[in-house]
């Protein structure tokens, strides 16, 4: 055994590796792409600093102008990546938001919140809350977990075991997987009746281990007494993050079309 080799403290294979000396190695989605104007869609982008003191940043996406002085919906996007990897500046998210902004004709702000484990929860929530907006779309940043397995989680023991390790890694100050920040229907959490928006669209995928958490949230919100409208869309035959992996597939396009319709409904309303 090579005693000079750094010793691993925690690892999520293929995602992140943390060494006992404190060094963090992120294993996916680390590439940076500049903010260009997309040649096909005409969507332009720009990187900005939101909080100078902590260097919290974002990438803005602006659709190709259609009419002068046109008012557009504002989308704040939090990239998936389990709070510990990836950013708005990777090819995967830059390409996805280019496609979404072009289809939906919205202005998007993709927030680069600080990552765990160097910045444990609640840092990501605080950074994200610093940039408030009318509409919220997210595919993974606010993941839903829970201590007891539900639905297909019981059949995917390996996947559930990884999820059970994730929250304590991200939030060592409160490692309980029923923390209301990650399990909003926990009995310890606040009532959903006070949710501060009028409409919610929950998107799930059939083969995603997190599918049933999305359905459980949809059902709980619908019967909570909240006065808004909640919808759910399930994509058949797909797994976690499918829409990011192949933007040209029909199911990814279908999801983008559904999101575009959701964002532009009742444009005169304040969400």
C-alpha atoms as a PDB file:
ATOM      1  CA  UNK A   1       0.000   0.000   0.000  1.00  0.00           C
ATOM      2  CA  UNK A   2       1.306   3.431  -0.983  1.00  0.00           C
ATOM      3  CA  UNK A   3       1.302   5.431   2.258  1.00  0.00           C
ATOM      4  CA  UNK A   4       1.882   8.657   0.311  1.00  0.00           C
ATOM      5  CA  UNK A   5      -1.459   8.365  -1.486  1.00  0.00           C
ATOM      6  CA  UNK A   6      -4.189  10.556   0.060  1.00  0.00           C
ATOM      7  CA  UNK A   7      -6.759   8.610   2.037  1.00  0.00           C
ATOM      8  CA  UNK A   8     -10.413   8.890   1.019  1.00  0.00           C
ATOM      9  CA  UNK A   9     -12.844   9.969   3.726  1.00  0.00           C
ATOM     10  CA  UNK A  10     -16.126   9.909   1.752  1.00  0.00           C
ATOM     11  CA  UNK A  11     -16.997   9.015  -1.822  1.00  0.00           C
ATOM     12  CA  UNK A  12     -20.059   8.940  -4.021  1.00  0.00           C
ATOM     13  CA  UNK A  13     -18.738   6.951  -6.997  1.00  0.00           C
ATOM     14  CA  UNK A  14     -18.666   8.875 -10.236  1.00  0.00           C
ATOM     15  CA  UNK A  15     -19.837  12.078  -8.513  1.00  0.00           C
ATOM     16  CA  UNK A  16     -17.540  13.352  -5.756  1.00  0.00           C
ATOM     17  CA  UNK A  17     -14.631  12.178  -3.630  1.00  0.00           C
ATOM     18  CA  UNK A  18     -13.505  13.822  -0.382  1.00  0.00           C
ATOM     19  CA  UNK A  19     -10.112  13.063   1.143  1.00  0.00           C
ATOM     20  CA  UNK A  20      -9.191  13.085   4.803  1.00  0.00           C
ATOM     21  CA  UNK A  21      -6.860  16.021   4.243  1.00  0.00           C
ATOM     22  CA  UNK A  22      -9.906  18.067   3.149  1.00  0.00           C
ATOM     23  CA  UNK A  23      -9.240  17.990  -0.587  1.00  0.00           C
ATOM     24  CA  UNK A  24     -12.410  17.638  -2.675  1.00  0.00           C
ATOM     25  CA  UNK A  25     -12.411  16.017  -6.097  1.00  0.00           C
ATOM     26  CA  UNK A  26     -15.511  16.552  -8.251  1.00  0.00           C
ATOM     27  CA  UNK A  27     -15.747  13.806 -10.828  1.00  0.00           C
ATOM     28  CA  UNK A  28     -18.441  15.077 -13.218  1.00  0.00           C
ATOM     29  CA  UNK A  29     -19.582  18.224 -14.986  1.00  0.00           C
ATOM     30  CA  UNK A  30     -16.575  20.374 -14.154  1.00  0.00           C
ATOM     31  CA  UNK A  31     -16.023  21.813 -17.642  1.00  0.00           C
ATOM     32  CA  UNK A  32     -16.573  25.562 -18.105  1.00  0.00           C
ATOM     33  CA  UNK A  33     -18.058  26.999 -21.292  1.00  0.00           C
ATOM     34  CA  UNK A  34     -18.182  30.757 -21.975  1.00  0.00           C
ATOM     35  CA  UNK A  35     -21.535  32.568 -22.304  1.00  0.00           C
ATOM     36  CA  UNK A  36     -21.983  32.905 -26.069  1.00  0.00           C
ATOM     37  CA  UNK A  37     -24.924  33.896 -28.257  1.00  0.00           C
ATOM     38  CA  UNK A  38     -26.355  30.627 -29.525  1.00  0.00           C
ATOM     39  CA  UNK A  39     -26.108  30.581 -33.339  1.00  0.00           C
ATOM     40  CA  UNK A  40     -29.356  28.662 -33.943  1.00  0.00           C
ATOM     41  CA  UNK A  41     -31.688  30.016 -31.258  1.00  0.00           C
ATOM     42  CA  UNK A  42     -30.376  33.571 -30.986  1.00  0.00           C
ATOM     43  CA  UNK A  43     -30.379  33.225 -27.187  1.00  0.00           C
ATOM     44  CA  UNK A  44     -27.636  35.345 -25.616  1.00  0.00           C
ATOM     45  CA  UNK A  45     -26.086  34.779 -22.218  1.00  0.00           C
ATOM     46  CA  UNK A  46     -23.978  36.677 -19.722  1.00  0.00           C
ATOM     47  CA  UNK A  47     -22.310  35.836 -16.407  1.00  0.00           C
ATOM     48  CA  UNK A  48     -22.905  38.105 -13.413  1.00  0.00           C
ATOM     49  CA  UNK A  49     -21.993  38.289  -9.731  1.00  0.00           C
ATOM     50  CA  UNK A  50     -25.025  38.257  -7.410  1.00  0.00           C
ATOM     51  CA  UNK A  51     -23.325  38.477  -4.003  1.00  0.00           C
ATOM     52  CA  UNK A  52     -19.828  39.981  -4.263  1.00  0.00           C
ATOM     53  CA  UNK A  53     -18.905  39.129  -0.654  1.00  0.00           C
ATOM     54  CA  UNK A  54     -19.268  35.398  -1.253  1.00  0.00           C
ATOM     55  CA  UNK A  55     -18.753  35.396  -5.019  1.00  0.00           C
ATOM     56  CA  UNK A  56     -22.170  33.855  -5.669  1.00  0.00           C
ATOM     57  CA  UNK A  57     -22.770  34.148  -9.390  1.00  0.00           C
ATOM     58  CA  UNK A  58     -25.279  33.343 -12.112  1.00  0.00           C
ATOM     59  CA  UNK A  59     -25.611  33.010 -15.849  1.00  0.00           C
ATOM     60  CA  UNK A  60     -28.343  35.076 -17.520  1.00  0.00           C
ATOM     61  CA  UNK A  61     -30.086  33.817 -20.655  1.00  0.00           C
ATOM     62  CA  UNK A  62     -31.978  36.284 -22.865  1.00  0.00           C
ATOM     63  CA  UNK A  63     -34.211  35.127 -25.730  1.00  0.00           C
ATOM     64  CA  UNK A  64     -33.982  36.631 -29.182  1.00  0.00           C
ATOM     65  CA  UNK A  65     -36.087  39.840 -29.121  1.00  0.00           C
ATOM     66  CA  UNK A  66     -39.475  39.510 -30.802  1.00  0.00           C
ATOM     67  CA  UNK A  67     -41.321  42.747 -30.033  1.00  0.00           C
ATOM     68  CA  UNK A  68     -39.974  46.022 -28.581  1.00  0.00           C
ATOM     69  CA  UNK A  69     -40.749  46.553 -24.873  1.00  0.00           C
ATOM     70  CA  UNK A  70     -42.195  43.035 -24.585  1.00  0.00           C
ATOM     71  CA  UNK A  71     -42.630  41.769 -21.007  1.00  0.00           C
ATOM     72  CA  UNK A  72     -41.309  38.252 -20.461  1.00  0.00           C
ATOM     73  CA  UNK A  73     -41.638  35.709 -17.637  1.00  0.00           C
ATOM     74  CA  UNK A  74     -38.604  35.369 -15.392  1.00  0.00           C
ATOM     75  CA  UNK A  75     -37.295  31.899 -14.603  1.00  0.00           C
ATOM     76  CA  UNK A  76     -34.820  31.216 -11.809  1.00  0.00           C
ATOM     77  CA  UNK A  77     -33.163  27.869 -12.395  1.00  0.00           C
ATOM     78  CA  UNK A  78     -31.260  25.795  -9.839  1.00  0.00           C
ATOM     79  CA  UNK A  79     -29.229  23.078 -11.515  1.00  0.00           C
ATOM     80  CA  UNK A  80     -29.345  19.524 -10.281  1.00  0.00           C
ATOM     81  CA  UNK A  81     -26.122  18.129  -8.897  1.00  0.00           C
ATOM     82  CA  UNK A  82     -27.051  17.084  -5.361  1.00  0.00           C
ATOM     83  CA  UNK A  83     -25.867  20.423  -3.957  1.00  0.00           C
ATOM     84  CA  UNK A  84     -22.239  19.350  -4.412  1.00  0.00           C
ATOM     85  CA  UNK A  85     -21.346  19.212  -8.118  1.00  0.00           C
ATOM     86  CA  UNK A  86     -21.968  20.997 -11.413  1.00  0.00           C
ATOM     87  CA  UNK A  87     -22.818  24.628 -12.196  1.00  0.00           C
ATOM     88  CA  UNK A  88     -24.641  26.809 -14.744  1.00  0.00           C
ATOM     89  CA  UNK A  89     -21.386  27.094 -16.682  1.00  0.00           C
ATOM     90  CA  UNK A  90     -21.130  23.474 -17.869  1.00  0.00           C
ATOM     91  CA  UNK A  91     -22.101  22.465 -21.422  1.00  0.00           C
ATOM     92  CA  UNK A  92     -25.010  20.348 -20.166  1.00  0.00           C
ATOM     93  CA  UNK A  93     -26.831  23.182 -18.389  1.00  0.00           C
ATOM     94  CA  UNK A  94     -25.838  25.912 -20.797  1.00  0.00           C
ATOM     95  CA  UNK A  95     -27.228  23.899 -23.731  1.00  0.00           C
ATOM     96  CA  UNK A  96     -30.389  22.948 -21.860  1.00  0.00           C
ATOM     97  CA  UNK A  97     -31.206  26.493 -20.838  1.00  0.00           C
ATOM     98  CA  UNK A  98     -30.521  27.756 -24.344  1.00  0.00           C
ATOM     99  CA  UNK A  99     -33.153  25.332 -25.621  1.00  0.00           C
ATOM    100  CA  UNK A 100     -35.629  26.096 -22.833  1.00  0.00           C
ATOM    101  CA  UNK A 101     -35.311  29.883 -23.119  1.00  0.00           C
ATOM    102  CA  UNK A 102     -35.716  29.747 -26.898  1.00  0.00           C
ATOM    103  CA  UNK A 103     -38.855  27.586 -26.678  1.00  0.00           C
ATOM    104  CA  UNK A 104     -40.475  29.347 -23.730  1.00  0.00           C
ATOM    105  CA  UNK A 105     -39.380  32.899 -24.617  1.00  0.00           C
ATOM    106  CA  UNK A 106     -38.437  33.621 -21.015  1.00  0.00           C
ATOM    107  CA  UNK A 107     -35.514  35.314 -19.294  1.00  0.00           C
ATOM    108  CA  UNK A 108     -33.584  32.775 -17.221  1.00  0.00           C
ATOM    109  CA  UNK A 109     -31.246  33.256 -14.279  1.00  0.00           C
ATOM    110  CA  UNK A 110     -29.240  30.109 -13.565  1.00  0.00           C
ATOM    111  CA  UNK A 111     -27.835  30.440 -10.043  1.00  0.00           C
ATOM    112  CA  UNK A 112     -24.367  29.149  -9.162  1.00  0.00           C
ATOM    113  CA  UNK A 113     -24.907  28.515  -5.461  1.00  0.00           C
ATOM    114  CA  UNK A 114     -21.936  27.477  -3.306  1.00  0.00           C
ATOM    115  CA  UNK A 115     -21.442  23.739  -3.010  1.00  0.00           C
ATOM    116  CA  UNK A 116     -21.129  21.215  -0.209  1.00  0.00           C
ATOM    117  CA  UNK A 117     -19.069  19.889   1.485  1.00  0.00           C
ATOM    118  CA  UNK A 118     -16.973  23.080   1.653  1.00  0.00           C
ATOM    119  CA  UNK A 119     -20.219  25.019   2.097  1.00  0.00           C
ATOM    120  CA  UNK A 120     -22.710  22.672   3.780  1.00  0.00           C
ATOM    121  CA  UNK A 121     -26.464  23.127   3.826  1.00  0.00           C
ATOM    122  CA  UNK A 122     -28.067  25.645   4.376  1.00  0.00           C
ATOM    123  CA  UNK A 123     -25.558  27.640   2.259  1.00  0.00           C
ATOM    124  CA  UNK A 124     -27.065  26.545  -1.071  1.00  0.00           C
ATOM    125  CA  UNK A 125     -30.556  27.533   0.100  1.00  0.00           C
ATOM    126  CA  UNK A 126     -29.369  30.908   1.344  1.00  0.00           C
ATOM    127  CA  UNK A 127     -27.467  31.637  -1.870  1.00  0.00           C
ATOM    128  CA  UNK A 128     -30.461  30.622  -3.974  1.00  0.00           C
ATOM    129  CA  UNK A 129     -32.930  32.632  -1.915  1.00  0.00           C
ATOM    130  CA  UNK A 130     -30.766  35.704  -2.432  1.00  0.00           C
ATOM    131  CA  UNK A 131     -32.033  35.769  -6.023  1.00  0.00           C
ATOM    132  CA  UNK A 132     -35.830  35.786  -5.867  1.00  0.00           C
ATOM    133  CA  UNK A 133     -38.085  35.627  -8.921  1.00  0.00           C
ATOM    134  CA  UNK A 134     -41.564  34.992 -10.241  1.00  0.00           C
ATOM    135  CA  UNK A 135     -41.164  31.399 -11.392  1.00  0.00           C
ATOM    136  CA  UNK A 136     -39.098  28.541 -10.029  1.00  0.00           C
ATOM    137  CA  UNK A 137     -37.969  25.532 -12.042  1.00  0.00           C
ATOM    138  CA  UNK A 138     -35.584  22.946 -10.724  1.00  0.00           C
ATOM    139  CA  UNK A 139     -34.502  19.466 -11.647  1.00  0.00           C
ATOM    140  CA  UNK A 140     -32.600  18.207  -8.656  1.00  0.00           C
ATOM    141  CA  UNK A 141     -31.371  21.032  -6.522  1.00  0.00           C
ATOM    142  CA  UNK A 142     -34.264  20.750  -4.071  1.00  0.00           C
ATOM    143  CA  UNK A 143     -34.262  16.967  -4.072  1.00  0.00           C
ATOM    144  CA  UNK A 144     -36.910  15.203  -1.943  1.00  0.00           C
ATOM    145  CA  UNK A 145     -35.766  12.506   0.470  1.00  0.00           C
ATOM    146  CA  UNK A 146     -37.091  10.739   3.538  1.00  0.00           C
ATOM    147  CA  UNK A 147     -35.987   8.247   6.169  1.00  0.00           C
ATOM    148  CA  UNK A 148     -38.498   5.494   5.340  1.00  0.00           C
ATOM    149  CA  UNK A 149     -38.529   4.028   1.807  1.00  0.00           C
ATOM    150  CA  UNK A 150     -41.661   4.636  -0.247  1.00  0.00           C
ATOM    151  CA  UNK A 151     -42.856   3.101  -3.502  1.00  0.00           C
ATOM    152  CA  UNK A 152     -40.077   1.988  -5.823  1.00  0.00           C
ATOM    153  CA  UNK A 153     -37.393   2.993  -3.295  1.00  0.00           C
ATOM    154  CA  UNK A 154     -38.035  -0.293  -1.505  1.00  0.00           C
ATOM    155  CA  UNK A 155     -37.197  -2.152  -4.743  1.00  0.00           C
ATOM    156  CA  UNK A 156     -34.036  -0.148  -5.406  1.00  0.00           C
ATOM    157  CA  UNK A 157     -32.063  -0.758  -2.249  1.00  0.00           C
ATOM    158  CA  UNK A 158     -28.737   0.356  -3.721  1.00  0.00           C
ATOM    159  CA  UNK A 159     -30.206   3.654  -4.909  1.00  0.00           C
ATOM    160  CA  UNK A 160     -31.950   4.227  -1.576  1.00  0.00           C
ATOM    161  CA  UNK A 161     -28.713   3.474   0.308  1.00  0.00           C
ATOM    162  CA  UNK A 162     -26.921   6.193  -1.680  1.00  0.00           C
ATOM    163  CA  UNK A 163     -29.737   8.673  -1.009  1.00  0.00           C
ATOM    164  CA  UNK A 164     -29.666   7.857   2.713  1.00  0.00           C
ATOM    165  CA  UNK A 165     -25.954   8.777   2.815  1.00  0.00           C
ATOM    166  CA  UNK A 166     -26.390  11.960   0.809  1.00  0.00           C
ATOM    167  CA  UNK A 167     -28.172  14.328   3.195  1.00  0.00           C
ATOM    168  CA  UNK A 168     -25.841  13.663   6.186  1.00  0.00           C
ATOM    169  CA  UNK A 169     -22.934  14.420   3.828  1.00  0.00           C
ATOM    170  CA  UNK A 170     -24.531  17.663   2.665  1.00  0.00           C
ATOM    171  CA  UNK A 171     -25.902  18.780   6.022  1.00  0.00           C
ATOM    172  CA  UNK A 172     -23.845  17.389   8.917  1.00  0.00           C
ATOM    173  CA  UNK A 173     -25.441  19.899  11.309  1.00  0.00           C
ATOM    174  CA  UNK A 174     -28.825  18.192  10.835  1.00  0.00           C
ATOM    175  CA  UNK A 175     -28.280  14.789   9.184  1.00  0.00           C
ATOM    176  CA  UNK A 176     -31.877  13.557   9.534  1.00  0.00           C
ATOM    177  CA  UNK A 177     -33.359  12.681   6.123  1.00  0.00           C
ATOM    178  CA  UNK A 178     -36.674  14.021   7.381  1.00  0.00           C
ATOM    179  CA  UNK A 179     -35.290  17.543   7.622  1.00  0.00           C
ATOM    180  CA  UNK A 180     -38.173  19.633   6.172  1.00  0.00           C
ATOM    181  CA  UNK A 181     -35.774  21.252   3.711  1.00  0.00           C
ATOM    182  CA  UNK A 182     -35.400  17.911   1.960  1.00  0.00           C
ATOM    183  CA  UNK A 183     -38.659  16.279   3.040  1.00  0.00           C
ATOM    184  CA  UNK A 184     -41.299  19.039   2.818  1.00  0.00           C
ATOM    185  CA  UNK A 185     -44.089  16.666   3.836  1.00  0.00           C
ATOM    186  CA  UNK A 186     -42.331  15.652   7.041  1.00  0.00           C
ATOM    187  CA  UNK A 187     -44.499  15.861  10.147  1.00  0.00           C
ATOM    188  CA  UNK A 188     -41.871  18.228  11.577  1.00  0.00           C
ATOM    189  CA  UNK A 189     -42.164  20.631   8.656  1.00  0.00           C
ATOM    190  CA  UNK A 190     -44.346  23.722   8.221  1.00  0.00           C
ATOM    191  CA  UNK A 191     -47.777  23.373   6.679  1.00  0.00           C
ATOM    192  CA  UNK A 192     -47.859  23.425   2.885  1.00  0.00           C
ATOM    193  CA  UNK A 193     -50.935  25.617   3.030  1.00  0.00           C
ATOM    194  CA  UNK A 194     -48.701  28.688   3.205  1.00  0.00           C
ATOM    195  CA  UNK A 195     -46.776  27.942   0.004  1.00  0.00           C
ATOM    196  CA  UNK A 196     -46.102  31.329  -1.576  1.00  0.00           C
ATOM    197  CA  UNK A 197     -47.168  30.778  -5.183  1.00  0.00           C
ATOM    198  CA  UNK A 198     -50.332  30.151  -7.185  1.00  0.00           C
ATOM    199  CA  UNK A 199     -49.253  27.296  -9.436  1.00  0.00           C
ATOM    200  CA  UNK A 200     -46.866  24.350  -9.148  1.00  0.00           C
ATOM    201  CA  UNK A 201     -45.796  21.837 -11.785  1.00  0.00           C
ATOM    202  CA  UNK A 202     -44.049  18.717 -10.484  1.00  0.00           C
ATOM    203  CA  UNK A 203     -42.054  16.804 -13.135  1.00  0.00           C
ATOM    204  CA  UNK A 204     -41.046  13.172 -12.570  1.00  0.00           C
ATOM    205  CA  UNK A 205     -39.664  10.328 -14.671  1.00  0.00           C
ATOM    206  CA  UNK A 206     -40.918   6.753 -14.527  1.00  0.00           C
ATOM    207  CA  UNK A 207     -37.552   5.089 -13.893  1.00  0.00           C
ATOM    208  CA  UNK A 208     -36.164   7.709 -11.498  1.00  0.00           C
ATOM    209  CA  UNK A 209     -35.620   6.450  -7.951  1.00  0.00           C
ATOM    210  CA  UNK A 210     -36.977   9.839  -6.811  1.00  0.00           C
ATOM    211  CA  UNK A 211     -40.222   9.427  -8.792  1.00  0.00           C
ATOM    212  CA  UNK A 212     -42.431   8.478  -5.858  1.00  0.00           C
ATOM    213  CA  UNK A 213     -41.168  11.389  -3.748  1.00  0.00           C
ATOM    214  CA  UNK A 214     -42.422  13.732  -6.457  1.00  0.00           C
ATOM    215  CA  UNK A 215     -45.801  12.022  -6.571  1.00  0.00           C
ATOM    216  CA  UNK A 216     -46.056  12.077  -2.756  1.00  0.00           C
ATOM    217  CA  UNK A 217     -45.348  15.831  -2.730  1.00  0.00           C
ATOM    218  CA  UNK A 218     -47.929  16.430  -5.467  1.00  0.00           C
ATOM    219  CA  UNK A 219     -50.581  14.511  -3.512  1.00  0.00           C
ATOM    220  CA  UNK A 220     -49.749  16.166  -0.189  1.00  0.00           C
ATOM    221  CA  UNK A 221     -49.858  19.648  -1.686  1.00  0.00           C
ATOM    222  CA  UNK A 222     -53.185  18.926  -3.367  1.00  0.00           C
ATOM    223  CA  UNK A 223     -54.880  17.959  -0.108  1.00  0.00           C
ATOM    224  CA  UNK A 224     -53.112  20.471   2.153  1.00  0.00           C
ATOM    225  CA  UNK A 225     -55.654  23.261   1.845  1.00  0.00           C
ATOM    226  CA  UNK A 226     -53.283  25.377  -0.242  1.00  0.00           C
ATOM    227  CA  UNK A 227     -55.372  27.543  -2.545  1.00  0.00           C
ATOM    228  CA  UNK A 228     -53.212  27.157  -5.657  1.00  0.00           C
ATOM    229  CA  UNK A 229     -53.234  24.681  -8.539  1.00  0.00           C
ATOM    230  CA  UNK A 230     -50.758  21.792  -8.602  1.00  0.00           C
ATOM    231  CA  UNK A 231     -50.083  19.681 -11.706  1.00  0.00           C
ATOM    232  CA  UNK A 232     -47.821  16.726 -12.334  1.00  0.00           C
ATOM    233  CA  UNK A 233     -46.117  15.422 -15.473  1.00  0.00           C
ATOM    234  CA  UNK A 234     -44.575  11.966 -15.625  1.00  0.00           C
ATOM    235  CA  UNK A 235     -42.321  10.978 -18.517  1.00  0.00           C
ATOM    236  CA  UNK A 236     -42.620   7.276 -19.336  1.00  0.00           C
ATOM    237  CA  UNK A 237     -39.605   5.054 -19.723  1.00  0.00           C
ATOM    238  CA  UNK A 238     -36.998   7.596 -18.634  1.00  0.00           C
ATOM    239  CA  UNK A 239     -34.700   8.002 -15.642  1.00  0.00           C
ATOM    240  CA  UNK A 240     -33.217  10.809 -13.588  1.00  0.00           C
ATOM    241  CA  UNK A 241     -32.003  13.773 -15.628  1.00  0.00           C
ATOM    242  CA  UNK A 242     -32.972  12.309 -19.004  1.00  0.00           C
ATOM    243  CA  UNK A 243     -33.899  15.742 -20.374  1.00  0.00           C
ATOM    244  CA  UNK A 244     -30.326  16.963 -19.927  1.00  0.00           C
ATOM    245  CA  UNK A 245     -28.630  14.002 -21.588  1.00  0.00           C
ATOM    246  CA  UNK A 246     -30.278  14.154 -25.010  1.00  0.00           C
ATOM    247  CA  UNK A 247     -31.959  17.428 -25.899  1.00  0.00           C
ATOM    248  CA  UNK A 248     -32.925  16.121 -29.319  1.00  0.00           C
ATOM    249  CA  UNK A 249     -35.016  13.198 -28.079  1.00  0.00           C
ATOM    250  CA  UNK A 250     -38.777  13.625 -28.372  1.00  0.00           C
ATOM    251  CA  UNK A 251     -39.409  13.177 -24.649  1.00  0.00           C
ATOM    252  CA  UNK A 252     -36.959  15.939 -23.719  1.00  0.00           C
ATOM    253  CA  UNK A 253     -38.610  18.196 -26.280  1.00  0.00           C
ATOM    254  CA  UNK A 254     -42.015  17.293 -24.869  1.00  0.00           C
ATOM    255  CA  UNK A 255     -40.919  18.276 -21.374  1.00  0.00           C
ATOM    256  CA  UNK A 256     -39.583  21.614 -22.618  1.00  0.00           C
ATOM    257  CA  UNK A 257     -42.861  22.262 -24.445  1.00  0.00           C
ATOM    258  CA  UNK A 258     -44.857  21.547 -21.274  1.00  0.00           C
ATOM    259  CA  UNK A 259     -42.624  23.837 -19.226  1.00  0.00           C
ATOM    260  CA  UNK A 260     -42.917  26.613 -21.809  1.00  0.00           C
ATOM    261  CA  UNK A 261     -46.703  26.450 -21.625  1.00  0.00           C
ATOM    262  CA  UNK A 262     -46.584  26.502 -17.829  1.00  0.00           C
ATOM    263  CA  UNK A 263     -44.321  29.554 -17.680  1.00  0.00           C
ATOM    264  CA  UNK A 264     -46.395  31.566 -20.113  1.00  0.00           C
ATOM    265  CA  UNK A 265     -49.817  30.809 -18.670  1.00  0.00           C
ATOM    266  CA  UNK A 266     -51.501  33.809 -17.092  1.00  0.00           C
ATOM    267  CA  UNK A 267     -48.567  36.083 -17.857  1.00  0.00           C
ATOM    268  CA  UNK A 268     -50.271  39.034 -16.221  1.00  0.00           C
ATOM    269  CA  UNK A 269     -50.440  37.182 -12.894  1.00  0.00           C
ATOM    270  CA  UNK A 270     -47.954  37.566 -10.070  1.00  0.00           C
ATOM    271  CA  UNK A 271     -46.850  34.074  -9.130  1.00  0.00           C
END
